[in-house]
Amino acid sequence: MAVTVKAFSELTADELYDILELRSAVFVVEQNCVYQDPDGIDRRSLHLWIQGEDGILAYARMFERETEEDTVQIGRVVSRIRHGGYGSEVLKECIRHARTYFHASGIFLEAQTYAKPFYEAQGFVQTSDEFLEDGISHIAMRKSL
C-alpha cells in the first residue's frame, strides 16, 4: 500500500477534487453534518492518501499547530472502505512524517469519540472530556514522539 504525500502546492486539480469529494461524501453527506470543509487549513497542510482504482481509499492532512511549538495536528482522517487497514496505513505515515518532515515532538488531533480505539491502537491517548464539534461528539487526543 503506497501512501502519496504532497504539500498543497503540489496537488493536481484532479487530486484536490478527489480529496474534497471523499471528505464531503463522508463528513457532510454520510454523517449529515453541514459545515465548511475547505477551511483554509488545506493550504498549509501536508496531504496523505492511498489511491485505489476507484479513487482515494483513505486520506488525512497534517499541519503545524500554531498554538503549540513542535506539535503537529492531524485532521480530516477518512477512509472510504472501513476495516480494510487503509486508514491505519495513512495514520502510520502521518506519524512518520510528524517525525521526519515536521521534526515534531508531539501530535494532536480531535477524534470523533467512536474512533477512540482506532487512534489508541497507534499510541494516542485521550486528553479531554467529550465535546461537540459540528454536532458530533469528539475528544482531544495526543501522542508524544
N, C-alpha and C. Protein backbone atom coordinates (compact mmCIF):
# COMPACT_ATOMS: atom_id res chain seq x y z
N MET A 1 0.84 -1.18 0.00
CA MET A 1 0.00 0.00 0.00
C MET A 1 0.88 1.24 0.00
N ALA A 2 0.91 1.93 -1.08
CA ALA A 2 1.72 3.13 -1.17
C ALA A 2 0.90 4.35 -0.76
N VAL A 3 1.48 5.17 0.08
CA VAL A 3 0.84 6.40 0.52
C VAL A 3 1.46 7.56 -0.24
N THR A 4 0.62 8.36 -0.88
CA THR A 4 1.07 9.56 -1.57
C THR A 4 1.10 10.70 -0.56
N VAL A 5 2.15 11.50 -0.61
CA VAL A 5 2.30 12.63 0.31
C VAL A 5 2.66 13.85 -0.51
N LYS A 6 1.83 14.90 -0.38
CA LYS A 6 2.08 16.13 -1.13
C LYS A 6 1.67 17.35 -0.31
N ALA A 7 2.43 18.42 -0.50
CA ALA A 7 2.03 19.73 0.01
C ALA A 7 0.91 20.24 -0.89
N PHE A 8 0.15 21.19 -0.40
CA PHE A 8 -0.99 21.73 -1.16
C PHE A 8 -0.56 22.21 -2.55
N SER A 9 0.54 22.90 -2.62
CA SER A 9 1.00 23.46 -3.90
C SER A 9 1.39 22.39 -4.91
N GLU A 10 1.59 21.17 -4.45
CA GLU A 10 1.96 20.07 -5.34
C GLU A 10 0.76 19.28 -5.85
N LEU A 11 -0.41 19.51 -5.26
CA LEU A 11 -1.60 18.76 -5.66
C LEU A 11 -2.04 19.17 -7.06
N THR A 12 -2.45 18.17 -7.85
CA THR A 12 -3.07 18.49 -9.13
C THR A 12 -4.53 18.85 -8.88
N ALA A 13 -5.16 19.44 -9.86
CA ALA A 13 -6.58 19.77 -9.73
C ALA A 13 -7.40 18.50 -9.49
N ASP A 14 -7.08 17.43 -10.19
CA ASP A 14 -7.81 16.17 -10.01
C ASP A 14 -7.61 15.59 -8.62
N GLU A 15 -6.39 15.65 -8.09
CA GLU A 15 -6.14 15.14 -6.75
C GLU A 15 -6.92 15.94 -5.71
N LEU A 16 -6.89 17.25 -5.82
CA LEU A 16 -7.63 18.09 -4.89
C LEU A 16 -9.13 17.80 -4.98
N TYR A 17 -9.64 17.66 -6.19
CA TYR A 17 -11.06 17.34 -6.37
C TYR A 17 -11.40 16.02 -5.69
N ASP A 18 -10.57 14.99 -5.90
CA ASP A 18 -10.83 13.68 -5.31
C ASP A 18 -10.79 13.73 -3.79
N ILE A 19 -9.85 14.50 -3.23
CA ILE A 19 -9.76 14.65 -1.78
C ILE A 19 -11.03 15.30 -1.23
N LEU A 20 -11.43 16.42 -1.84
CA LEU A 20 -12.62 17.13 -1.36
C LEU A 20 -13.89 16.31 -1.57
N GLU A 21 -13.93 15.54 -2.65
CA GLU A 21 -15.09 14.69 -2.91
C GLU A 21 -15.24 13.63 -1.81
N LEU A 22 -14.15 12.96 -1.43
CA LEU A 22 -14.21 11.95 -0.38
C LEU A 22 -14.58 12.57 0.96
N ARG A 23 -13.94 13.66 1.31
CA ARG A 23 -14.26 14.31 2.59
C ARG A 23 -15.72 14.74 2.64
N SER A 24 -16.23 15.29 1.56
CA SER A 24 -17.62 15.71 1.51
C SER A 24 -18.57 14.52 1.60
N ALA A 25 -18.26 13.45 0.89
CA ALA A 25 -19.11 12.26 0.89
C ALA A 25 -19.27 11.68 2.29
N VAL A 26 -18.18 11.67 3.06
CA VAL A 26 -18.23 11.08 4.40
C VAL A 26 -18.65 12.09 5.45
N PHE A 27 -17.93 13.21 5.55
CA PHE A 27 -18.17 14.13 6.66
C PHE A 27 -19.44 14.96 6.50
N VAL A 28 -19.82 15.31 5.31
CA VAL A 28 -21.00 16.14 5.11
C VAL A 28 -22.24 15.30 4.81
N VAL A 29 -22.16 14.41 3.82
CA VAL A 29 -23.33 13.65 3.39
C VAL A 29 -23.61 12.47 4.32
N GLU A 30 -22.66 11.55 4.46
CA GLU A 30 -22.87 10.35 5.27
C GLU A 30 -23.16 10.68 6.73
N GLN A 31 -22.42 11.63 7.28
CA GLN A 31 -22.60 11.98 8.69
C GLN A 31 -23.63 13.09 8.88
N ASN A 32 -24.23 13.53 7.78
CA ASN A 32 -25.28 14.54 7.84
C ASN A 32 -24.85 15.75 8.68
N CYS A 33 -23.69 16.29 8.33
CA CYS A 33 -23.11 17.38 9.10
C CYS A 33 -22.80 18.54 8.16
N VAL A 34 -23.57 19.59 8.29
CA VAL A 34 -23.36 20.75 7.42
C VAL A 34 -22.29 21.64 8.03
N TYR A 35 -21.16 21.73 7.35
CA TYR A 35 -20.06 22.59 7.80
C TYR A 35 -19.20 22.94 6.59
N GLN A 36 -18.35 23.92 6.74
CA GLN A 36 -17.48 24.37 5.66
C GLN A 36 -16.20 23.54 5.68
N ASP A 37 -16.12 22.52 4.84
CA ASP A 37 -14.96 21.64 4.83
C ASP A 37 -13.69 22.35 4.36
N PRO A 38 -13.69 23.00 3.18
CA PRO A 38 -12.48 23.76 2.81
C PRO A 38 -12.36 24.97 3.74
N ASP A 39 -11.44 24.88 4.71
CA ASP A 39 -11.37 25.86 5.79
C ASP A 39 -10.13 26.73 5.78
N GLY A 40 -9.36 26.65 4.70
CA GLY A 40 -8.13 27.44 4.64
C GLY A 40 -6.92 26.71 5.17
N ILE A 41 -7.12 25.71 5.99
CA ILE A 41 -6.00 24.96 6.57
C ILE A 41 -5.35 24.06 5.52
N ASP A 42 -6.13 23.64 4.52
CA ASP A 42 -5.57 22.78 3.47
C ASP A 42 -4.34 23.40 2.83
N ARG A 43 -4.34 24.72 2.69
CA ARG A 43 -3.23 25.40 2.01
C ARG A 43 -1.90 25.26 2.75
N ARG A 44 -1.95 25.05 4.07
CA ARG A 44 -0.71 24.92 4.84
C ARG A 44 -0.52 23.49 5.37
N SER A 45 -1.24 22.56 4.75
CA SER A 45 -1.19 21.16 5.19
C SER A 45 -0.37 20.28 4.26
N LEU A 46 0.09 19.20 4.84
CA LEU A 46 0.65 18.09 4.09
C LEU A 46 -0.51 17.11 3.92
N HIS A 47 -0.74 16.64 2.71
CA HIS A 47 -1.87 15.76 2.39
C HIS A 47 -1.35 14.36 2.11
N LEU A 48 -1.95 13.38 2.77
CA LEU A 48 -1.51 11.99 2.65
C LEU A 48 -2.70 11.13 2.28
N TRP A 49 -2.53 10.24 1.29
CA TRP A 49 -3.64 9.38 0.89
C TRP A 49 -3.17 8.12 0.20
N ILE A 50 -4.06 7.15 0.18
CA ILE A 50 -3.88 5.90 -0.55
C ILE A 50 -4.86 5.92 -1.71
N GLN A 51 -4.33 5.74 -2.89
CA GLN A 51 -5.14 5.78 -4.11
C GLN A 51 -5.48 4.36 -4.54
N GLY A 52 -6.76 4.14 -4.88
CA GLY A 52 -7.19 2.87 -5.43
C GLY A 52 -7.69 3.06 -6.85
N GLU A 53 -8.12 2.00 -7.47
CA GLU A 53 -8.62 2.08 -8.84
C GLU A 53 -9.84 2.99 -8.95
N ASP A 54 -10.66 3.01 -7.91
CA ASP A 54 -11.91 3.79 -7.94
C ASP A 54 -11.81 5.10 -7.16
N GLY A 55 -10.62 5.57 -6.90
CA GLY A 55 -10.45 6.82 -6.18
C GLY A 55 -9.64 6.66 -4.92
N ILE A 56 -9.72 7.65 -4.08
CA ILE A 56 -8.95 7.65 -2.83
C ILE A 56 -9.60 6.68 -1.84
N LEU A 57 -8.79 5.81 -1.26
CA LEU A 57 -9.28 4.82 -0.30
C LEU A 57 -9.23 5.36 1.13
N ALA A 58 -8.21 6.16 1.44
CA ALA A 58 -8.08 6.76 2.77
C ALA A 58 -7.24 8.02 2.64
N TYR A 59 -7.49 8.96 3.55
CA TYR A 59 -6.87 10.27 3.45
C TYR A 59 -6.71 10.88 4.85
N ALA A 60 -5.71 11.74 5.00
CA ALA A 60 -5.55 12.59 6.18
C ALA A 60 -4.72 13.80 5.78
N ARG A 61 -4.85 14.85 6.57
CA ARG A 61 -3.99 16.01 6.39
C ARG A 61 -3.31 16.30 7.71
N MET A 62 -2.16 16.96 7.64
CA MET A 62 -1.45 17.33 8.86
C MET A 62 -0.77 18.68 8.66
N PHE A 63 -0.64 19.39 9.77
CA PHE A 63 -0.11 20.75 9.70
C PHE A 63 0.47 21.13 11.05
N GLU A 64 1.34 22.13 11.02
CA GLU A 64 1.91 22.62 12.27
C GLU A 64 0.83 23.28 13.10
N ARG A 65 0.80 22.96 14.37
CA ARG A 65 -0.18 23.52 15.29
C ARG A 65 0.31 24.90 15.72
N GLU A 66 -0.42 25.92 15.36
CA GLU A 66 0.03 27.30 15.61
C GLU A 66 0.15 27.64 17.09
N THR A 67 -0.63 26.98 17.93
CA THR A 67 -0.65 27.32 19.35
C THR A 67 0.34 26.52 20.18
N GLU A 68 1.03 25.55 19.56
CA GLU A 68 1.97 24.72 20.31
C GLU A 68 3.22 24.46 19.47
N GLU A 69 4.34 24.89 19.98
CA GLU A 69 5.61 24.68 19.29
C GLU A 69 5.94 23.19 19.24
N ASP A 70 6.51 22.74 18.15
CA ASP A 70 6.95 21.35 17.96
C ASP A 70 5.79 20.34 17.99
N THR A 71 4.59 20.80 17.70
CA THR A 71 3.43 19.91 17.68
C THR A 71 2.72 20.05 16.35
N VAL A 72 2.36 18.92 15.77
CA VAL A 72 1.57 18.93 14.55
C VAL A 72 0.18 18.43 14.87
N GLN A 73 -0.74 18.78 14.01
CA GLN A 73 -2.12 18.33 14.17
C GLN A 73 -2.50 17.51 12.95
N ILE A 74 -3.18 16.42 13.20
CA ILE A 74 -3.71 15.56 12.14
C ILE A 74 -5.22 15.78 12.11
N GLY A 75 -5.76 15.87 10.91
CA GLY A 75 -7.19 16.06 10.78
C GLY A 75 -7.74 15.48 9.50
N ARG A 76 -9.06 15.51 9.42
CA ARG A 76 -9.79 15.03 8.24
C ARG A 76 -9.42 13.58 7.90
N VAL A 77 -9.15 12.77 8.91
CA VAL A 77 -8.82 11.36 8.68
C VAL A 77 -10.09 10.66 8.23
N VAL A 78 -10.02 10.05 7.05
CA VAL A 78 -11.22 9.44 6.47
C VAL A 78 -10.82 8.23 5.64
N SER A 79 -11.67 7.21 5.66
CA SER A 79 -11.45 6.01 4.86
C SER A 79 -12.74 5.67 4.12
N ARG A 80 -12.61 5.44 2.83
CA ARG A 80 -13.77 5.06 2.01
C ARG A 80 -14.22 3.64 2.37
N ILE A 81 -13.25 2.77 2.66
CA ILE A 81 -13.53 1.38 3.00
C ILE A 81 -13.12 1.15 4.45
N ARG A 82 -14.12 0.94 5.30
CA ARG A 82 -13.83 0.74 6.73
C ARG A 82 -13.28 -0.65 6.97
N HIS A 83 -12.40 -0.75 7.93
CA HIS A 83 -11.81 -2.01 8.39
C HIS A 83 -10.97 -2.70 7.32
N GLY A 84 -10.46 -1.94 6.36
CA GLY A 84 -9.60 -2.51 5.34
C GLY A 84 -8.13 -2.24 5.60
N GLY A 85 -7.82 -1.52 6.67
CA GLY A 85 -6.45 -1.22 7.02
C GLY A 85 -5.89 0.03 6.36
N TYR A 86 -6.68 0.65 5.48
CA TYR A 86 -6.20 1.82 4.75
C TYR A 86 -6.03 3.03 5.67
N GLY A 87 -6.99 3.26 6.55
CA GLY A 87 -6.90 4.37 7.48
C GLY A 87 -5.70 4.23 8.40
N SER A 88 -5.43 3.02 8.87
CA SER A 88 -4.28 2.77 9.74
C SER A 88 -2.98 3.06 9.01
N GLU A 89 -2.90 2.69 7.75
CA GLU A 89 -1.68 2.94 6.98
C GLU A 89 -1.44 4.44 6.81
N VAL A 90 -2.50 5.19 6.51
CA VAL A 90 -2.35 6.64 6.37
C VAL A 90 -1.94 7.26 7.70
N LEU A 91 -2.54 6.80 8.80
CA LEU A 91 -2.20 7.34 10.11
C LEU A 91 -0.74 7.02 10.47
N LYS A 92 -0.29 5.83 10.19
CA LYS A 92 1.11 5.47 10.45
C LYS A 92 2.05 6.38 9.66
N GLU A 93 1.68 6.68 8.43
CA GLU A 93 2.51 7.56 7.61
C GLU A 93 2.49 8.99 8.16
N CYS A 94 1.36 9.42 8.70
CA CYS A 94 1.28 10.74 9.36
C CYS A 94 2.26 10.79 10.54
N ILE A 95 2.28 9.74 11.33
CA ILE A 95 3.17 9.69 12.49
C ILE A 95 4.63 9.76 12.03
N ARG A 96 4.94 9.02 10.98
CA ARG A 96 6.30 9.02 10.45
C ARG A 96 6.69 10.42 9.95
N HIS A 97 5.77 11.08 9.25
CA HIS A 97 6.06 12.42 8.73
C HIS A 97 6.09 13.48 9.83
N ALA A 98 5.37 13.25 10.91
CA ALA A 98 5.46 14.18 12.05
C ALA A 98 6.90 14.23 12.54
N ARG A 99 7.56 13.07 12.53
CA ARG A 99 8.96 12.99 12.98
C ARG A 99 9.93 13.52 11.92
N THR A 100 9.78 13.03 10.69
CA THR A 100 10.79 13.28 9.66
C THR A 100 10.60 14.58 8.90
N TYR A 101 9.40 14.96 8.62
CA TYR A 101 9.12 16.16 7.83
C TYR A 101 8.98 17.39 8.72
N PHE A 102 8.21 17.24 9.81
CA PHE A 102 7.95 18.37 10.71
C PHE A 102 8.93 18.43 11.89
N HIS A 103 9.62 17.34 12.19
CA HIS A 103 10.52 17.25 13.35
C HIS A 103 9.77 17.61 14.64
N ALA A 104 8.56 17.11 14.74
CA ALA A 104 7.68 17.41 15.87
C ALA A 104 7.99 16.50 17.06
N SER A 105 7.66 16.98 18.23
CA SER A 105 7.80 16.18 19.44
C SER A 105 6.46 15.62 19.90
N GLY A 106 5.38 16.08 19.26
CA GLY A 106 4.07 15.59 19.63
C GLY A 106 3.05 15.80 18.53
N ILE A 107 1.98 15.02 18.62
CA ILE A 107 0.87 15.09 17.66
C ILE A 107 -0.43 15.29 18.42
N PHE A 108 -1.26 16.17 17.92
CA PHE A 108 -2.57 16.47 18.48
C PHE A 108 -3.62 16.14 17.43
N LEU A 109 -4.77 15.66 17.88
CA LEU A 109 -5.92 15.50 16.98
C LEU A 109 -7.20 15.55 17.77
N GLU A 110 -8.26 15.88 17.08
CA GLU A 110 -9.61 15.83 17.65
C GLU A 110 -10.35 14.71 16.95
N ALA A 111 -10.59 13.64 17.68
CA ALA A 111 -11.19 12.43 17.12
C ALA A 111 -12.68 12.36 17.41
N GLN A 112 -13.43 11.87 16.45
CA GLN A 112 -14.80 11.53 16.76
C GLN A 112 -14.75 10.43 17.82
N THR A 113 -15.57 10.55 18.84
CA THR A 113 -15.48 9.69 20.01
C THR A 113 -15.50 8.20 19.66
N TYR A 114 -16.32 7.81 18.70
CA TYR A 114 -16.41 6.39 18.35
C TYR A 114 -15.08 5.85 17.81
N ALA A 115 -14.20 6.73 17.30
CA ALA A 115 -12.93 6.30 16.70
C ALA A 115 -11.79 6.22 17.71
N LYS A 116 -12.08 6.43 18.98
CA LYS A 116 -11.03 6.41 20.01
C LYS A 116 -10.17 5.14 19.94
N PRO A 117 -10.73 3.93 19.84
CA PRO A 117 -9.88 2.73 19.77
C PRO A 117 -8.94 2.71 18.56
N PHE A 118 -9.39 3.27 17.44
CA PHE A 118 -8.57 3.34 16.24
C PHE A 118 -7.29 4.13 16.52
N TYR A 119 -7.42 5.27 17.18
CA TYR A 119 -6.26 6.11 17.49
C TYR A 119 -5.43 5.54 18.64
N GLU A 120 -6.08 4.94 19.61
CA GLU A 120 -5.34 4.32 20.72
C GLU A 120 -4.43 3.21 20.21
N ALA A 121 -4.85 2.51 19.17
CA ALA A 121 -4.02 1.44 18.61
C ALA A 121 -2.69 1.96 18.07
N GLN A 122 -2.62 3.26 17.79
CA GLN A 122 -1.38 3.88 17.30
C GLN A 122 -0.69 4.71 18.39
N GLY A 123 -1.13 4.54 19.63
CA GLY A 123 -0.44 5.18 20.75
C GLY A 123 -0.98 6.53 21.18
N PHE A 124 -2.13 6.94 20.65
CA PHE A 124 -2.73 8.21 21.08
C PHE A 124 -3.49 7.99 22.38
N VAL A 125 -3.51 9.02 23.23
CA VAL A 125 -4.24 8.96 24.49
C VAL A 125 -5.23 10.13 24.56
N GLN A 126 -6.36 9.87 25.15
CA GLN A 126 -7.39 10.89 25.31
C GLN A 126 -6.92 11.93 26.31
N THR A 127 -7.12 13.21 25.96
CA THR A 127 -6.66 14.30 26.84
C THR A 127 -7.77 15.29 27.18
N SER A 128 -9.00 14.97 26.82
CA SER A 128 -10.10 15.89 27.14
C SER A 128 -11.38 15.09 27.38
N ASP A 129 -12.34 15.77 27.97
CA ASP A 129 -13.68 15.21 28.04
C ASP A 129 -14.29 15.32 26.65
N GLU A 130 -15.42 14.65 26.46
CA GLU A 130 -16.13 14.75 25.19
C GLU A 130 -16.63 16.17 24.97
N PHE A 131 -16.62 16.61 23.72
CA PHE A 131 -17.18 17.91 23.36
C PHE A 131 -17.82 17.77 21.99
N LEU A 132 -18.74 18.68 21.70
CA LEU A 132 -19.41 18.66 20.41
C LEU A 132 -18.68 19.54 19.41
N GLU A 133 -18.44 19.01 18.24
CA GLU A 133 -17.87 19.75 17.12
C GLU A 133 -18.82 19.52 15.94
N ASP A 134 -19.48 20.57 15.50
CA ASP A 134 -20.46 20.46 14.43
C ASP A 134 -21.53 19.41 14.73
N GLY A 135 -21.91 19.32 16.01
CA GLY A 135 -22.97 18.41 16.43
C GLY A 135 -22.55 16.97 16.60
N ILE A 136 -21.26 16.67 16.49
CA ILE A 136 -20.75 15.30 16.62
C ILE A 136 -19.80 15.25 17.82
N SER A 137 -19.94 14.21 18.64
CA SER A 137 -19.12 14.04 19.83
C SER A 137 -17.66 13.76 19.44
N HIS A 138 -16.75 14.55 20.03
CA HIS A 138 -15.31 14.43 19.78
C HIS A 138 -14.56 14.38 21.11
N ILE A 139 -13.30 13.97 21.03
CA ILE A 139 -12.36 14.05 22.15
C ILE A 139 -11.02 14.51 21.60
N ALA A 140 -10.25 15.21 22.42
CA ALA A 140 -8.88 15.56 22.06
C ALA A 140 -7.99 14.38 22.41
N MET A 141 -6.99 14.14 21.56
CA MET A 141 -6.05 13.05 21.79
C MET A 141 -4.65 13.53 21.43
N ARG A 142 -3.65 12.93 22.07
CA ARG A 142 -2.26 13.31 21.83
C ARG A 142 -1.38 12.06 21.78
N LYS A 143 -0.27 12.24 21.08
CA LYS A 143 0.77 11.22 21.03
C LYS A 143 2.10 11.93 21.14
N SER A 144 2.94 11.50 22.07
CA SER A 144 4.30 12.03 22.19
C SER A 144 5.21 11.24 21.26
N LEU A 145 6.17 11.96 20.69
CA LEU A 145 7.12 11.29 19.78
C LEU A 145 8.48 11.20 20.41
